[in-house]
Amino acid sequence: RYSIEVNKQDAQDRIYMHITGLNGTSQVFSGTDILSESGVSTGYQSYNGSFDFGGVLKSLKIEIGGRDINLAVGPLFDDVSVNVFYHLSGRNSLP
């Protein structure tokens, strides 16, 4: 699950989140959520969603970005942080 807070002043801008889960060099899952498409005026907004997957993960790559269409004021991100919560199946403690 994720929550992203973004200030988008220009309706033509686009905001997205892309995540890739890896087990070593093998890709376990990949997904992109379009948080706000061009043509939508949202101002300050909190976006929520989730990615479901199964398998073994060794690392995550997370990209949060936006596209400034009118070259005025693009999407504004501040204080970006990521919390990862996971479930260890059949184990009672962390390695």
Protein backbone atom coordinates (compact mmCIF):
# COMPACT_ATOMS: atom_id res chain seq x y z
CA ARG A 1 0.00 0.00 0.00
CA TYR A 2 1.15 3.53 -0.62
CA SER A 3 0.12 7.10 0.00
CA ILE A 4 1.61 10.01 -1.97
CA GLU A 5 0.88 13.68 -1.38
CA VAL A 6 1.51 15.98 -4.35
CA ASN A 7 0.74 19.59 -5.22
CA LYS A 8 -0.30 19.74 -8.88
CA GLN A 9 -1.25 23.28 -9.94
CA ASP A 10 -1.31 22.79 -13.71
CA ALA A 11 -4.15 20.65 -15.04
CA GLN A 12 -2.01 19.54 -17.99
CA ASP A 13 0.66 17.91 -15.79
CA ARG A 14 0.77 14.19 -15.13
CA ILE A 15 1.86 12.35 -11.94
CA TYR A 16 2.83 8.67 -11.72
CA MET A 17 4.37 6.01 -9.50
CA HIS A 18 6.30 3.03 -10.89
CA ILE A 19 7.55 0.13 -8.78
CA THR A 20 9.64 -2.91 -9.67
CA GLY A 21 10.29 -5.85 -7.35
CA LEU A 22 13.45 -7.88 -7.89
CA ASN A 23 14.80 -11.20 -6.63
CA GLY A 24 18.47 -10.66 -7.42
CA THR A 25 18.44 -9.73 -11.11
CA SER A 26 15.10 -11.45 -11.84
CA GLN A 27 12.02 -9.22 -11.99
CA VAL A 28 9.24 -10.55 -9.71
CA PHE A 29 6.68 -7.85 -10.48
CA SER A 30 6.35 -4.41 -12.03
CA GLY A 31 3.55 -1.88 -12.08
CA THR A 32 2.73 1.74 -12.83
CA ASP A 33 -0.13 3.75 -11.33
CA ILE A 34 -1.11 7.01 -13.03
CA LEU A 35 -2.06 9.18 -10.05
CA SER A 36 -3.35 12.15 -12.02
CA GLU A 37 -3.63 12.33 -15.79
CA SER A 38 -3.23 15.38 -18.01
CA GLY A 39 -6.36 17.50 -18.17
CA VAL A 40 -7.26 17.05 -14.50
CA SER A 41 -6.81 19.94 -12.07
CA THR A 42 -6.18 18.51 -8.61
CA GLY A 43 -4.19 21.04 -6.57
CA TYR A 44 -2.93 19.45 -3.34
CA GLN A 45 -4.04 15.84 -3.25
CA SER A 46 -3.27 12.60 -1.42
CA TYR A 47 -3.18 9.53 -3.68
CA ASN A 48 -3.53 6.01 -2.29
CA GLY A 49 -3.13 2.60 -3.87
CA SER A 50 -1.37 -0.72 -3.59
CA PHE A 51 0.55 -3.35 -5.49
CA ASP A 52 -0.04 -7.06 -4.78
CA PHE A 53 2.57 -9.67 -5.57
CA GLY A 54 3.87 -13.05 -4.52
CA GLY A 55 7.33 -14.53 -4.46
CA VAL A 56 10.69 -13.66 -2.99
CA LEU A 57 11.93 -10.07 -3.03
CA LYS A 58 15.50 -8.94 -2.52
CA SER A 59 15.03 -5.31 -3.58
CA LEU A 60 12.54 -2.69 -4.76
CA LYS A 61 12.93 0.14 -7.24
CA ILE A 62 10.43 2.95 -6.77
CA GLU A 63 10.05 5.90 -9.14
CA ILE A 64 7.69 8.75 -8.34
CA GLY A 65 7.54 11.45 -10.95
CA GLY A 66 5.59 13.91 -12.96
CA ARG A 67 5.53 15.50 -16.33
CA ASP A 68 5.32 19.26 -16.70
CA ILE A 69 3.37 19.80 -19.93
CA ASN A 70 3.05 23.61 -20.01
CA LEU A 71 6.55 24.31 -18.64
CA ALA A 72 5.07 26.59 -16.00
CA VAL A 73 4.97 25.12 -12.47
CA GLY A 74 5.27 21.33 -12.55
CA PRO A 75 4.16 18.82 -9.91
CA LEU A 76 5.78 19.56 -6.55
CA PHE A 77 7.11 16.74 -4.35
CA ASP A 78 8.48 17.43 -0.87
CA ASP A 79 9.74 15.22 1.94
CA VAL A 80 9.54 12.00 -0.08
CA SER A 81 9.89 8.85 2.01
CA VAL A 82 9.09 5.16 1.55
CA ASN A 83 8.02 2.67 4.21
CA VAL A 84 8.10 -1.00 3.20
CA PHE A 85 6.08 -3.53 5.18
CA TYR A 86 6.41 -7.21 4.46
CA HIS A 87 5.26 -10.57 5.75
CA LEU A 88 7.72 -13.41 6.34
CA SER A 89 5.71 -16.52 5.64
CA GLY A 90 6.40 -19.31 8.13
CA ARG A 91 8.95 -17.31 10.11
CA ASN A 92 8.65 -15.72 13.51
CA SER A 93 11.56 -13.29 13.33
CA LEU A 94 13.55 -11.22 10.90
CA PRO A 95 16.77 -12.70 9.49
